[in-house]
């Protein structure tokens, strides 16, 4: 598996795809986190009067929990910026996984087909990113992993990707904060 992934990591299109995927997934979490950190509902209307076994009611319960709502937001923000940084993207993908898996299970539980498609794709994308960084993560799973050999190309290590990720992060936060204050 290691050799296959290392060979694939040499493909320029896959490198660009991976960088873009990190930006996309990270951006989605950063954007959604600002709602929660700012104490805003996920949906524009209260789900308080919705039937108890529906997604709007579940979102309302999380929103009403207060501290938990903010906690989710900060978790999403941290996972998002780590992913977008490119430098700490492996840690971001690891942090992103349990959050995304939880969101996926919620969408299955409430039978939301439209949202299920989106969360399924996000979870699969996260698994792809974890496999992409298998060389960095194998020590967790293998009883006797071989020594770490950095198989990232100079293109992937270019500092411009980090600066672009940080710029994108600040643009998303600024846009979202501007939207919440209108």
C-alpha atoms as a PDB file:
ATOM      1  CA  UNK A   1       0.000   0.000   0.000  1.00  0.00           C
ATOM      2  CA  UNK A   2       2.852   2.348   0.875  1.00  0.00           C
ATOM      3  CA  UNK A   3       4.456   2.071  -2.549  1.00  0.00           C
ATOM      4  CA  UNK A   4       1.147   2.614  -4.335  1.00  0.00           C
ATOM      5  CA  UNK A   5       0.396   5.779  -2.375  1.00  0.00           C
ATOM      6  CA  UNK A   6       3.956   7.066  -2.809  1.00  0.00           C
ATOM      7  CA  UNK A   7       3.675   6.579  -6.583  1.00  0.00           C
ATOM      8  CA  UNK A   8       0.306   8.320  -6.713  1.00  0.00           C
ATOM      9  CA  UNK A   9       1.702  11.227  -4.700  1.00  0.00           C
ATOM     10  CA  UNK A  10       4.090  11.945  -7.575  1.00  0.00           C
ATOM     11  CA  UNK A  11       1.174  12.739  -9.914  1.00  0.00           C
ATOM     12  CA  UNK A  12       0.814  16.528 -10.273  1.00  0.00           C
ATOM     13  CA  UNK A  13      -2.954  16.399 -10.865  1.00  0.00           C
ATOM     14  CA  UNK A  14      -3.477  14.341  -7.696  1.00  0.00           C
ATOM     15  CA  UNK A  15      -1.272  16.756  -5.774  1.00  0.00           C
ATOM     16  CA  UNK A  16      -3.392  19.700  -6.944  1.00  0.00           C
ATOM     17  CA  UNK A  17      -6.585  17.749  -6.221  1.00  0.00           C
ATOM     18  CA  UNK A  18      -5.381  17.009  -2.684  1.00  0.00           C
ATOM     19  CA  UNK A  19      -4.423  20.613  -1.985  1.00  0.00           C
ATOM     20  CA  UNK A  20      -7.774  21.821  -3.331  1.00  0.00           C
ATOM     21  CA  UNK A  21      -9.648  19.202  -1.326  1.00  0.00           C
ATOM     22  CA  UNK A  22      -7.940  20.351   1.861  1.00  0.00           C
ATOM     23  CA  UNK A  23      -8.961  23.935   1.082  1.00  0.00           C
ATOM     24  CA  UNK A  24     -12.530  22.889   0.265  1.00  0.00           C
ATOM     25  CA  UNK A  25     -13.129  20.712   3.336  1.00  0.00           C
ATOM     26  CA  UNK A  26     -11.348  23.151   5.626  1.00  0.00           C
ATOM     27  CA  UNK A  27     -13.333  26.076   4.220  1.00  0.00           C
ATOM     28  CA  UNK A  28     -16.626  24.286   4.759  1.00  0.00           C
ATOM     29  CA  UNK A  29     -15.807  23.719   8.422  1.00  0.00           C
ATOM     30  CA  UNK A  30     -14.479  27.239   8.966  1.00  0.00           C
ATOM     31  CA  UNK A  31     -17.589  28.742   7.384  1.00  0.00           C
ATOM     32  CA  UNK A  32     -19.957  26.565   9.451  1.00  0.00           C
ATOM     33  CA  UNK A  33     -17.984  27.158  12.651  1.00  0.00           C
ATOM     34  CA  UNK A  34     -18.562  30.905  12.636  1.00  0.00           C
ATOM     35  CA  UNK A  35     -22.340  30.280  13.064  1.00  0.00           C
ATOM     36  CA  UNK A  36     -21.710  28.262  16.172  1.00  0.00           C
ATOM     37  CA  UNK A  37     -18.957  30.405  17.681  1.00  0.00           C
ATOM     38  CA  UNK A  38     -21.135  33.502  17.166  1.00  0.00           C
ATOM     39  CA  UNK A  39     -24.100  31.752  18.815  1.00  0.00           C
ATOM     40  CA  UNK A  40     -26.254  31.676  15.684  1.00  0.00           C
ATOM     41  CA  UNK A  41     -28.644  28.871  14.753  1.00  0.00           C
ATOM     42  CA  UNK A  42     -27.618  26.563  11.924  1.00  0.00           C
ATOM     43  CA  UNK A  43     -31.032  27.026  10.327  1.00  0.00           C
ATOM     44  CA  UNK A  44     -32.751  30.426  10.059  1.00  0.00           C
ATOM     45  CA  UNK A  45     -35.884  29.224  11.865  1.00  0.00           C
ATOM     46  CA  UNK A  46     -36.163  27.711  15.316  1.00  0.00           C
ATOM     47  CA  UNK A  47     -36.787  23.975  15.328  1.00  0.00           C
ATOM     48  CA  UNK A  48     -38.241  24.157  18.829  1.00  0.00           C
ATOM     49  CA  UNK A  49     -41.765  23.298  17.682  1.00  0.00           C
ATOM     50  CA  UNK A  50     -40.678  20.728  15.091  1.00  0.00           C
ATOM     51  CA  UNK A  51     -41.457  17.073  15.845  1.00  0.00           C
ATOM     52  CA  UNK A  52     -38.944  15.668  18.294  1.00  0.00           C
ATOM     53  CA  UNK A  53     -37.521  13.070  15.885  1.00  0.00           C
ATOM     54  CA  UNK A  54     -36.598  15.577  13.151  1.00  0.00           C
ATOM     55  CA  UNK A  55     -33.334  17.213  12.168  1.00  0.00           C
ATOM     56  CA  UNK A  56     -34.585  20.789  12.837  1.00  0.00           C
ATOM     57  CA  UNK A  57     -35.456  19.794  16.404  1.00  0.00           C
ATOM     58  CA  UNK A  58     -32.052  18.155  16.852  1.00  0.00           C
ATOM     59  CA  UNK A  59     -30.262  21.305  15.608  1.00  0.00           C
ATOM     60  CA  UNK A  60     -32.363  23.406  17.964  1.00  0.00           C
ATOM     61  CA  UNK A  61     -31.427  21.175  20.909  1.00  0.00           C
ATOM     62  CA  UNK A  62     -27.725  21.529  20.091  1.00  0.00           C
ATOM     63  CA  UNK A  63     -28.132  25.292  19.689  1.00  0.00           C
ATOM     64  CA  UNK A  64     -29.949  25.555  23.024  1.00  0.00           C
ATOM     65  CA  UNK A  65     -27.142  23.611  24.725  1.00  0.00           C
ATOM     66  CA  UNK A  66     -25.027  26.768  24.465  1.00  0.00           C
ATOM     67  CA  UNK A  67     -21.550  25.671  25.517  1.00  0.00           C
ATOM     68  CA  UNK A  68     -21.804  22.505  23.414  1.00  0.00           C
ATOM     69  CA  UNK A  69     -22.782  24.599  20.361  1.00  0.00           C
ATOM     70  CA  UNK A  70     -19.698  26.776  20.839  1.00  0.00           C
ATOM     71  CA  UNK A  71     -17.517  23.711  21.478  1.00  0.00           C
ATOM     72  CA  UNK A  72     -18.563  22.179  18.149  1.00  0.00           C
ATOM     73  CA  UNK A  73     -17.823  25.486  16.434  1.00  0.00           C
ATOM     74  CA  UNK A  74     -14.329  25.774  17.888  1.00  0.00           C
ATOM     75  CA  UNK A  75     -13.607  22.136  16.991  1.00  0.00           C
ATOM     76  CA  UNK A  76     -14.675  22.765  13.399  1.00  0.00           C
ATOM     77  CA  UNK A  77     -12.645  25.982  13.217  1.00  0.00           C
ATOM     78  CA  UNK A  78      -9.482  24.292  14.491  1.00  0.00           C
ATOM     79  CA  UNK A  79      -9.865  21.257  12.205  1.00  0.00           C
ATOM     80  CA  UNK A  80     -10.599  23.569   9.260  1.00  0.00           C
ATOM     81  CA  UNK A  81      -7.586  25.838   9.703  1.00  0.00           C
ATOM     82  CA  UNK A  82      -5.287  22.859  10.254  1.00  0.00           C
ATOM     83  CA  UNK A  83      -6.489  21.318   6.985  1.00  0.00           C
ATOM     84  CA  UNK A  84      -6.169  24.601   5.091  1.00  0.00           C
ATOM     85  CA  UNK A  85      -2.666  25.271   6.427  1.00  0.00           C
ATOM     86  CA  UNK A  86      -1.248  22.388   4.346  1.00  0.00           C
ATOM     87  CA  UNK A  87       1.615  22.164   6.866  1.00  0.00           C
ATOM     88  CA  UNK A  88      -0.620  20.669   9.573  1.00  0.00           C
ATOM     89  CA  UNK A  89      -3.075  19.076   7.157  1.00  0.00           C
ATOM     90  CA  UNK A  90      -2.489  15.539   8.456  1.00  0.00           C
ATOM     91  CA  UNK A  91      -3.432  16.625  11.966  1.00  0.00           C
ATOM     92  CA  UNK A  92      -6.386  18.497  10.467  1.00  0.00           C
ATOM     93  CA  UNK A  93      -7.570  15.375   8.616  1.00  0.00           C
ATOM     94  CA  UNK A  94      -7.288  13.340  11.825  1.00  0.00           C
ATOM     95  CA  UNK A  95      -9.258  15.993  13.780  1.00  0.00           C
ATOM     96  CA  UNK A  96     -11.789  16.320  10.948  1.00  0.00           C
ATOM     97  CA  UNK A  97     -12.575  12.594  10.833  1.00  0.00           C
ATOM     98  CA  UNK A  98     -14.490  12.081  14.120  1.00  0.00           C
ATOM     99  CA  UNK A  99     -16.402  15.339  13.629  1.00  0.00           C
ATOM    100  CA  UNK A 100     -17.362  14.401  10.086  1.00  0.00           C
ATOM    101  CA  UNK A 101     -18.202  10.834  11.055  1.00  0.00           C
ATOM    102  CA  UNK A 102     -20.518  12.186  13.747  1.00  0.00           C
ATOM    103  CA  UNK A 103     -22.232  14.497  11.242  1.00  0.00           C
ATOM    104  CA  UNK A 104     -22.587  11.577   8.827  1.00  0.00           C
ATOM    105  CA  UNK A 105     -24.209   9.369  11.487  1.00  0.00           C
ATOM    106  CA  UNK A 106     -26.590  12.207  12.396  1.00  0.00           C
ATOM    107  CA  UNK A 107     -27.717  12.526   8.770  1.00  0.00           C
ATOM    108  CA  UNK A 108     -28.283   8.769   8.573  1.00  0.00           C
ATOM    109  CA  UNK A 109     -30.261   8.861  11.815  1.00  0.00           C
ATOM    110  CA  UNK A 110     -32.600  11.563  10.587  1.00  0.00           C
ATOM    111  CA  UNK A 111     -32.941  10.241   7.039  1.00  0.00           C
ATOM    112  CA  UNK A 112     -31.991  13.423   5.207  1.00  0.00           C
ATOM    113  CA  UNK A 113     -31.140  12.210   1.672  1.00  0.00           C
ATOM    114  CA  UNK A 114     -29.889  15.554   0.316  1.00  0.00           C
ATOM    115  CA  UNK A 115     -27.654  16.201   3.296  1.00  0.00           C
ATOM    116  CA  UNK A 116     -26.613  12.537   3.347  1.00  0.00           C
ATOM    117  CA  UNK A 117     -25.084  12.886  -0.123  1.00  0.00           C
ATOM    118  CA  UNK A 118     -23.029  15.896   0.964  1.00  0.00           C
ATOM    119  CA  UNK A 119     -21.879  14.363   4.244  1.00  0.00           C
ATOM    120  CA  UNK A 120     -21.040  11.073   2.495  1.00  0.00           C
ATOM    121  CA  UNK A 121     -18.834  12.879  -0.002  1.00  0.00           C
ATOM    122  CA  UNK A 122     -17.181  14.891   2.758  1.00  0.00           C
ATOM    123  CA  UNK A 123     -16.479  11.738   4.768  1.00  0.00           C
ATOM    124  CA  UNK A 124     -15.071   9.932   1.708  1.00  0.00           C
ATOM    125  CA  UNK A 125     -12.916  12.960   0.946  1.00  0.00           C
ATOM    126  CA  UNK A 126     -11.608  12.876   4.490  1.00  0.00           C
ATOM    127  CA  UNK A 127     -10.769   9.169   4.158  1.00  0.00           C
ATOM    128  CA  UNK A 128      -8.914   9.994   0.928  1.00  0.00           C
ATOM    129  CA  UNK A 129      -6.860  12.623   2.796  1.00  0.00           C
ATOM    130  CA  UNK A 130      -6.066  10.153   5.570  1.00  0.00           C
ATOM    131  CA  UNK A 131      -4.915   7.583   2.995  1.00  0.00           C
ATOM    132  CA  UNK A 132      -2.881  10.272   1.229  1.00  0.00           C
ATOM    133  CA  UNK A 133      -0.995  10.782   4.500  1.00  0.00           C
ATOM    134  CA  UNK A 134      -0.750   7.069   5.293  1.00  0.00           C
ATOM    135  CA  UNK A 135       3.034   7.309   5.519  1.00  0.00           C
ATOM    136  CA  UNK A 136       2.660   9.753   8.441  1.00  0.00           C
ATOM    137  CA  UNK A 137      -0.127   7.797  10.149  1.00  0.00           C
ATOM    138  CA  UNK A 138       1.001   4.189   9.768  1.00  0.00           C
ATOM    139  CA  UNK A 139       2.768   4.159  13.133  1.00  0.00           C
ATOM    140  CA  UNK A 140      -0.682   4.249  14.776  1.00  0.00           C
ATOM    141  CA  UNK A 141      -1.927   1.129  13.006  1.00  0.00           C
ATOM    142  CA  UNK A 142       1.085  -1.067  12.309  1.00  0.00           C
ATOM    143  CA  UNK A 143       2.796  -3.034  15.094  1.00  0.00           C
ATOM    144  CA  UNK A 144       6.257  -2.414  13.657  1.00  0.00           C
ATOM    145  CA  UNK A 145       6.136   0.408  11.124  1.00  0.00           C
ATOM    146  CA  UNK A 146       9.166   1.148   9.052  1.00  0.00           C
ATOM    147  CA  UNK A 147      10.977   4.439   9.579  1.00  0.00           C
ATOM    148  CA  UNK A 148       9.239   7.533   8.258  1.00  0.00           C
ATOM    149  CA  UNK A 149      10.300   8.542   4.772  1.00  0.00           C
ATOM    150  CA  UNK A 150       8.920  11.855   3.547  1.00  0.00           C
ATOM    151  CA  UNK A 151       7.377  11.128   0.141  1.00  0.00           C
ATOM    152  CA  UNK A 152       5.913  14.591  -0.419  1.00  0.00           C
ATOM    153  CA  UNK A 153       7.241  16.412  -3.447  1.00  0.00           C
ATOM    154  CA  UNK A 154       8.723  19.909  -3.412  1.00  0.00           C
ATOM    155  CA  UNK A 155       5.513  21.051  -5.114  1.00  0.00           C
ATOM    156  CA  UNK A 156       3.447  19.917  -2.108  1.00  0.00           C
ATOM    157  CA  UNK A 157       5.886  21.554   0.318  1.00  0.00           C
ATOM    158  CA  UNK A 158       5.787  24.932  -1.413  1.00  0.00           C
ATOM    159  CA  UNK A 159       5.124  27.596   1.271  1.00  0.00           C
ATOM    160  CA  UNK A 160       2.743  29.422  -1.073  1.00  0.00           C
ATOM    161  CA  UNK A 161       0.112  26.753  -0.355  1.00  0.00           C
ATOM    162  CA  UNK A 162       0.267  27.622   3.338  1.00  0.00           C
ATOM    163  CA  UNK A 163      -0.011  31.352   2.673  1.00  0.00           C
ATOM    164  CA  UNK A 164      -2.897  30.742   0.286  1.00  0.00           C
ATOM    165  CA  UNK A 165      -4.663  28.634   2.923  1.00  0.00           C
ATOM    166  CA  UNK A 166      -4.232  31.307   5.576  1.00  0.00           C
ATOM    167  CA  UNK A 167      -5.449  33.997   3.189  1.00  0.00           C
ATOM    168  CA  UNK A 168      -8.478  31.873   2.337  1.00  0.00           C
ATOM    169  CA  UNK A 169      -9.114  31.277   6.048  1.00  0.00           C
ATOM    170  CA  UNK A 170      -9.126  34.997   6.857  1.00  0.00           C
ATOM    171  CA  UNK A 171     -11.284  35.763   3.812  1.00  0.00           C
ATOM    172  CA  UNK A 172     -13.898  33.187   4.888  1.00  0.00           C
ATOM    173  CA  UNK A 173     -13.918  34.367   8.502  1.00  0.00           C
ATOM    174  CA  UNK A 174     -14.217  38.004   7.396  1.00  0.00           C
ATOM    175  CA  UNK A 175     -17.004  37.199   4.928  1.00  0.00           C
ATOM    176  CA  UNK A 176     -18.920  35.151   7.486  1.00  0.00           C
ATOM    177  CA  UNK A 177     -18.539  37.785  10.214  1.00  0.00           C
ATOM    178  CA  UNK A 178     -19.693  40.471   7.771  1.00  0.00           C
ATOM    179  CA  UNK A 179     -22.759  38.362   6.909  1.00  0.00           C
ATOM    180  CA  UNK A 180     -23.638  37.761  10.587  1.00  0.00           C
ATOM    181  CA  UNK A 181     -23.546  41.480  11.386  1.00  0.00           C
ATOM    182  CA  UNK A 182     -25.974  42.489   8.661  1.00  0.00           C
END
